[in-house]
Amino acid sequence: MIRNLSLILLFGILASSCGMVKRGTIPWEERKKKETIQAAIAATKVPATEPEKPARLSRGERAIKSSLDQAFKDWKGVPYVLGGTGYNGVDCSSFMQIVFADYFEIDLPRNTREQMKEGSSVKRNKIKLGDMVFFKTGRDSYHVGVMINNEQFLHASTSSGVMVSGLQDRYWADAYLTTRRIM
């Protein structure tokens, strides 16, 4: 009787922790529909006349920004786990693979070194929204994130999990290696 109860409890724990977590809280089709509605609303608004606003985003850039904002909302605070690929923990290259696949339908290789070969090279002073930024964080270690504007990038940090950091922060500025444009 106790043995059967133990087996049932063990099976319940295993079933609830193995592959049962669904990535993303909003399916791709729902996000796309929402973005289309938001773009239509934005197109009907009359721009206010204000003194010198920062450059406006194009429709495509707004879609990229919206998707990256949603990725941050969906993944914020998920802890860093080397080799992790889900909400229980994720590493930087897996997080980029997930973001580009789930939010942009772009397939990327699994590791940072292979991701660094994708797309086209971008000079540091030409970095823009959606570009992948790479860093050399140790003798044989690399890190990757995706730009969410001209100054900040989204990534899975070893110290704080999924978060946003500034490219100009001293640590990241010193570790900066290269940028690749995938989209």
Protein backbone atom coordinates (compact mmCIF):
# COMPACT_ATOMS: atom_id res chain seq x y z
CA MET A 1 0.00 0.00 0.00
CA ILE A 2 2.77 2.46 0.98
CA ARG A 3 4.81 1.35 -2.02
CA ASN A 4 1.86 1.99 -4.39
CA LEU A 5 1.31 5.42 -2.85
CA SER A 6 5.02 6.23 -3.29
CA LEU A 7 4.93 5.16 -6.94
CA ILE A 8 1.82 7.26 -7.60
CA LEU A 9 3.44 10.28 -5.92
CA LEU A 10 6.69 9.79 -7.88
CA PHE A 11 4.77 9.47 -11.17
CA GLY A 12 2.81 12.64 -10.38
CA ILE A 13 5.99 14.62 -9.70
CA LEU A 14 7.65 13.36 -12.91
CA ALA A 15 4.58 14.03 -15.04
CA SER A 16 4.26 17.57 -13.75
CA SER A 17 7.90 18.48 -14.36
CA CYS A 18 8.87 16.85 -17.67
CA GLY A 19 8.12 18.85 -20.76
CA MET A 20 4.74 20.07 -19.59
CA VAL A 21 5.59 23.78 -19.74
CA LYS A 22 4.36 25.57 -22.86
CA ARG A 23 6.65 28.29 -24.19
CA GLY A 24 5.10 31.71 -24.69
CA THR A 25 1.84 32.80 -23.17
CA ILE A 26 0.34 34.01 -26.44
CA PRO A 27 0.35 31.78 -29.54
CA TRP A 28 2.10 33.21 -32.61
CA GLU A 29 -1.17 33.65 -34.49
CA GLU A 30 -2.73 35.61 -31.61
CA ARG A 31 0.33 37.92 -31.40
CA LYS A 32 0.29 38.50 -35.17
CA LYS A 33 -3.42 39.36 -35.09
CA LYS A 34 -2.84 41.73 -32.15
CA GLU A 35 0.10 43.41 -33.96
CA THR A 36 -2.01 43.89 -37.10
CA ILE A 37 -4.76 45.56 -35.08
CA GLN A 38 -2.24 47.76 -33.24
CA ALA A 39 -0.61 48.77 -36.55
CA ALA A 40 -4.01 49.70 -38.01
CA ILE A 41 -4.84 51.82 -34.95
CA ALA A 42 -1.43 53.50 -35.05
CA ALA A 43 -1.83 54.29 -38.76
CA THR A 44 -5.12 56.15 -38.12
CA LYS A 45 -3.74 58.42 -35.40
CA VAL A 46 -2.78 61.95 -36.37
CA PRO A 47 0.74 62.72 -35.15
CA ALA A 48 0.90 65.46 -32.53
CA THR A 49 3.19 68.38 -33.22
CA GLU A 50 5.81 68.31 -30.49
CA PRO A 51 9.36 69.56 -30.42
CA GLU A 52 11.94 67.15 -31.85
CA LYS A 53 10.88 63.60 -31.06
CA PRO A 54 13.27 60.70 -31.52
CA ALA A 55 13.04 59.08 -34.95
CA ARG A 56 9.84 57.13 -35.43
CA LEU A 57 9.92 53.42 -36.00
CA SER A 58 8.76 52.03 -39.32
CA ARG A 59 5.88 49.54 -39.36
CA GLY A 60 8.39 46.66 -39.58
CA GLU A 61 10.45 48.04 -36.70
CA ARG A 62 7.29 48.45 -34.61
CA ALA A 63 6.45 44.78 -35.24
CA ILE A 64 9.97 43.74 -34.20
CA LYS A 65 9.81 45.95 -31.08
CA SER A 66 6.39 44.57 -30.16
CA SER A 67 7.59 40.96 -30.51
CA LEU A 68 10.73 41.62 -28.45
CA ASP A 69 8.64 43.36 -25.77
CA GLN A 70 6.36 40.31 -25.67
CA ALA A 71 9.35 37.97 -25.43
CA PHE A 72 10.62 39.98 -22.46
CA LYS A 73 7.20 39.86 -20.76
CA ASP A 74 6.96 36.10 -21.36
CA TRP A 75 10.49 35.28 -20.17
CA LYS A 76 11.47 38.03 -17.67
CA GLY A 77 13.22 36.58 -14.64
CA VAL A 78 13.55 33.01 -15.94
CA PRO A 79 16.79 31.83 -14.33
CA TYR A 80 19.98 31.14 -16.25
CA VAL A 81 20.79 27.42 -16.44
CA LEU A 82 23.67 26.27 -18.64
CA GLY A 83 22.11 23.96 -21.24
CA GLY A 84 18.59 25.00 -20.18
CA THR A 85 15.92 25.34 -22.84
CA GLY A 86 12.70 26.27 -21.02
CA TYR A 87 10.96 28.22 -18.28
CA ASN A 88 12.75 26.25 -15.56
CA GLY A 89 16.03 27.69 -16.85
CA VAL A 90 17.58 28.83 -20.09
CA ASP A 91 21.04 29.75 -21.31
CA CYS A 92 21.82 32.70 -23.58
CA SER A 93 22.10 30.84 -26.90
CA SER A 94 19.00 28.75 -26.24
CA PHE A 95 17.10 31.91 -25.31
CA MET A 96 18.10 33.51 -28.63
CA GLN A 97 17.09 30.34 -30.47
CA ILE A 98 13.68 30.45 -28.73
CA VAL A 99 13.11 34.18 -29.27
CA PHE A 100 13.94 34.06 -32.98
CA ALA A 101 11.96 30.84 -33.58
CA ASP A 102 8.86 31.63 -31.51
CA TYR A 103 8.55 35.36 -32.14
CA PHE A 104 10.03 35.75 -35.66
CA GLU A 105 9.90 32.25 -37.18
CA ILE A 106 13.68 32.30 -37.78
CA ASP A 107 15.72 29.18 -37.04
CA LEU A 108 19.11 29.65 -35.39
CA PRO A 109 21.82 27.14 -34.45
CA ARG A 110 21.91 26.03 -30.80
CA ASN A 111 25.25 27.46 -29.67
CA THR A 112 26.66 30.98 -29.57
CA ARG A 113 29.67 30.28 -31.81
CA GLU A 114 27.42 28.95 -34.57
CA GLN A 115 24.92 31.81 -34.12
CA MET A 116 27.83 34.24 -34.60
CA LYS A 117 28.15 32.96 -38.19
CA GLU A 118 24.51 33.72 -39.09
CA GLY A 119 23.27 36.80 -40.94
CA SER A 120 25.53 39.68 -41.90
CA SER A 121 28.15 41.61 -39.96
CA VAL A 122 27.19 45.05 -38.61
CA LYS A 123 29.55 47.79 -37.45
CA ARG A 124 29.16 48.80 -33.83
CA ASN A 125 28.00 52.31 -34.73
CA LYS A 126 25.29 50.88 -37.05
CA ILE A 127 23.59 48.58 -34.50
CA LYS A 128 19.80 48.68 -34.58
CA LEU A 129 16.71 47.04 -33.14
CA GLY A 130 16.69 43.24 -33.61
CA ASP A 131 20.43 42.85 -34.17
CA MET A 132 22.20 40.09 -32.28
CA VAL A 133 25.11 41.28 -30.15
CA PHE A 134 27.93 38.97 -29.08
CA PHE A 135 30.40 39.26 -26.24
CA LYS A 136 33.60 37.47 -25.22
CA THR A 137 33.09 36.88 -21.51
CA GLY A 138 36.02 34.58 -20.82
CA ARG A 139 38.93 32.83 -22.47
CA ASP A 140 36.65 30.33 -24.20
CA SER A 141 33.21 31.68 -23.35
CA TYR A 142 30.82 33.83 -25.32
CA HIS A 143 27.48 35.51 -24.63
CA VAL A 144 24.66 36.67 -26.91
CA GLY A 145 21.65 38.97 -26.73
CA VAL A 146 19.27 40.83 -29.05
CA MET A 147 18.97 44.60 -29.27
CA ILE A 148 15.59 45.96 -28.12
CA ASN A 149 16.48 49.55 -29.06
CA ASN A 150 19.70 51.39 -29.96
CA GLU A 151 21.17 51.09 -26.46
CA GLN A 152 19.76 48.03 -24.69
CA PHE A 153 19.67 44.30 -25.33
CA LEU A 154 17.59 41.38 -24.09
CA HIS A 155 19.49 38.32 -22.90
CA ALA A 156 19.72 35.47 -20.40
CA SER A 157 22.25 36.72 -17.85
CA THR A 158 24.19 34.23 -15.75
CA SER A 159 23.62 36.39 -12.67
CA SER A 160 19.99 37.52 -13.06
CA GLY A 161 18.34 35.31 -15.68
CA VAL A 162 16.37 36.85 -18.54
CA MET A 163 16.76 40.61 -18.37
CA VAL A 164 17.63 43.79 -20.24
CA SER A 165 21.11 45.35 -20.05
CA GLY A 166 22.75 48.42 -21.54
CA LEU A 167 25.29 47.98 -24.31
CA GLN A 168 27.14 50.99 -22.89
CA ASP A 169 27.41 49.44 -19.40
CA ARG A 170 31.12 49.12 -18.68
CA TYR A 171 31.12 45.31 -18.42
CA TRP A 172 29.28 44.81 -21.71
CA ALA A 173 31.14 47.60 -23.52
CA ASP A 174 34.47 45.98 -22.57
CA ALA A 175 33.28 42.46 -23.48
CA TYR A 176 31.64 43.47 -26.80
CA LEU A 177 32.81 41.29 -29.70
CA THR A 178 30.56 41.65 -32.76
CA THR A 179 27.05 42.23 -34.08
CA ARG A 180 25.09 40.18 -36.61
CA ARG A 181 21.93 41.21 -38.47
CA ILE A 182 19.56 38.27 -38.93
CA MET A 183 16.41 40.14 -40.03
